[in-house]
Protein backbone atom coordinates (compact mmCIF):
# COMPACT_ATOMS: atom_id res chain seq x y z
CA THR A 1 137.46 94.10 94.65
CA LEU A 2 134.93 92.35 93.38
CA LEU A 3 131.99 94.33 94.92
CA ARG A 4 133.18 97.36 93.03
CA ILE A 5 132.81 95.47 89.99
CA VAL A 6 129.39 94.44 90.44
CA TYR A 7 128.43 98.12 91.63
CA PHE A 8 129.76 99.23 88.69
CA CYS A 9 128.17 96.53 86.36
CA CYS A 10 125.37 96.55 87.73
CA MET A 11 124.17 99.40 90.14
CA SER A 12 125.15 102.74 88.64
CA ASN A 13 123.08 102.22 85.25
CA LEU A 14 119.84 102.61 87.94
CA VAL A 15 120.52 105.00 89.79
CA GLN A 16 118.47 107.86 88.20
CA GLN A 17 115.44 105.32 87.08
CA THR A 18 115.20 104.35 90.67
CA LYS A 19 114.73 107.88 91.65
CA GLN A 20 112.49 108.68 88.70
CA ALA A 21 110.50 105.64 89.43
CA PHE A 22 109.72 107.01 92.94
CA TYR A 23 109.30 110.60 91.86
CA PHE A 24 106.46 109.34 89.28
CA SER A 25 104.81 107.35 91.56
CA LEU A 26 104.67 109.86 94.03
CA GLY A 27 103.19 112.06 91.46
CA PHE A 28 100.44 109.76 90.70
CA TYR A 29 99.75 108.77 94.17
CA LEU A 30 98.94 113.08 94.70
CA LEU A 31 97.27 113.00 90.99
CA ALA A 32 94.85 109.90 92.20
CA LEU A 33 94.26 111.55 95.70
CA LEU A 34 93.01 114.66 93.98
CA LEU A 35 91.13 113.07 91.24
CA LYS A 36 89.50 110.81 94.14
CA VAL A 37 88.48 113.61 96.02
CA LEU A 38 87.05 115.38 93.33
CA SER A 39 84.91 112.23 92.34
CA PHE A 40 86.54 111.53 88.62
CA PRO A 41 85.93 108.22 87.77
CA PHE A 42 89.28 107.16 86.12
CA ALA A 43 90.87 107.90 89.65
CA ASP A 44 91.17 104.32 90.53
CA VAL A 45 92.92 104.06 87.17
CA LEU A 46 95.63 106.30 88.43
CA VAL A 47 95.65 104.57 91.99
CA SER A 48 96.42 101.10 90.16
CA ILE A 49 99.46 102.90 87.99
CA ALA A 50 100.88 104.68 91.39
CA LEU A 51 101.04 101.29 93.17
CA PHE A 52 103.08 99.45 90.07
CA LEU A 53 105.18 102.42 90.02
CA SER A 54 105.66 101.90 94.18
CA LEU A 55 106.31 98.65 93.47
CA VAL A 56 108.97 99.02 90.71
CA TRP A 57 110.74 101.93 92.91
CA LEU A 58 110.36 99.15 95.66
CA PHE A 59 112.51 96.58 93.98
CA LEU A 60 114.55 98.69 92.59
CA VAL A 61 115.48 99.93 96.11
CA LEU A 62 115.91 96.78 97.50
CA ARG A 63 118.43 95.93 94.72
CA GLU A 64 120.35 99.23 95.77
CA ILE A 65 120.45 97.75 99.38
CA ILE A 66 121.08 94.24 99.23
CA LEU A 67 124.19 94.89 96.48
CA SER A 68 125.59 97.77 99.08
CA GLY A 69 129.14 97.32 100.16
CA ARG A 70 128.90 99.89 102.66
CA LEU A 71 126.00 98.19 105.01
CA THR A 72 125.93 95.85 107.73
CA THR A 73 123.82 92.69 107.43
CA ILE A 74 121.65 94.08 110.49
CA GLU A 75 121.64 97.59 108.80
CA ARG A 76 120.24 95.99 105.42
CA ILE A 77 117.62 94.09 106.91
CA LEU A 78 116.45 96.92 109.05
CA LEU A 79 116.47 98.86 106.13
CA LEU A 80 114.64 96.31 103.56
CA VAL A 81 112.26 96.12 106.28
CA PHE A 82 111.83 99.69 106.59
CA VAL A 83 111.22 100.55 102.60
CA VAL A 84 109.08 97.76 102.22
CA PHE A 85 106.47 98.81 105.22
CA GLY A 86 106.81 102.23 105.27
CA ASN A 87 106.45 102.85 101.31
CA ILE A 88 106.17 106.47 100.62
CA VAL A 89 107.08 107.53 103.54
CA ALA A 90 110.25 105.28 103.83
CA GLY A 91 111.02 106.62 100.15
CA ILE A 92 111.39 110.05 101.18
CA VAL A 93 113.24 109.49 104.03
CA TYR A 94 115.69 106.89 102.20
CA PHE A 95 115.83 109.45 98.83
CA PHE A 96 116.83 112.28 100.98
CA PHE A 97 118.72 110.63 104.16
CA LEU A 98 120.05 107.28 103.68
CA ARG A 99 120.76 106.50 99.57
CA GLU A 100 124.07 108.46 99.75
CA ARG A 101 125.35 106.53 102.50
CA VAL A 102 123.65 103.19 100.90
CA LEU A 103 125.47 103.92 97.36
CA GLY A 104 128.50 105.23 98.99
CA GLU A 105 128.95 108.28 97.06
CA SER A 106 128.01 111.55 96.30
CA ILE A 107 124.51 111.06 94.22
CA LYS A 108 124.58 113.87 91.32
CA LYS A 109 120.94 115.46 91.72
């Protein structure tokens, strides 16, 4: 069907990059928090990088959700709101519990 063609052309290329962006964002948040506690002057720069990476993975996850053919419209809307407002916690829930259902396949880890 047309939805499968769109999935293979657009979605499959970014599956790994989405998770990598999330992990990098999480790593930069943790490092920035640690350096902020230790009063390093460049900790704010790391917070900025973490925020940018959060924005990148957020857009990639929103793209996955919108292009998913396995979700109903209500599920899409609820998941979009959850990911946008939940940020890191929602990212953890999404990647470990919901992503396989959204993508509709077993994801190589």
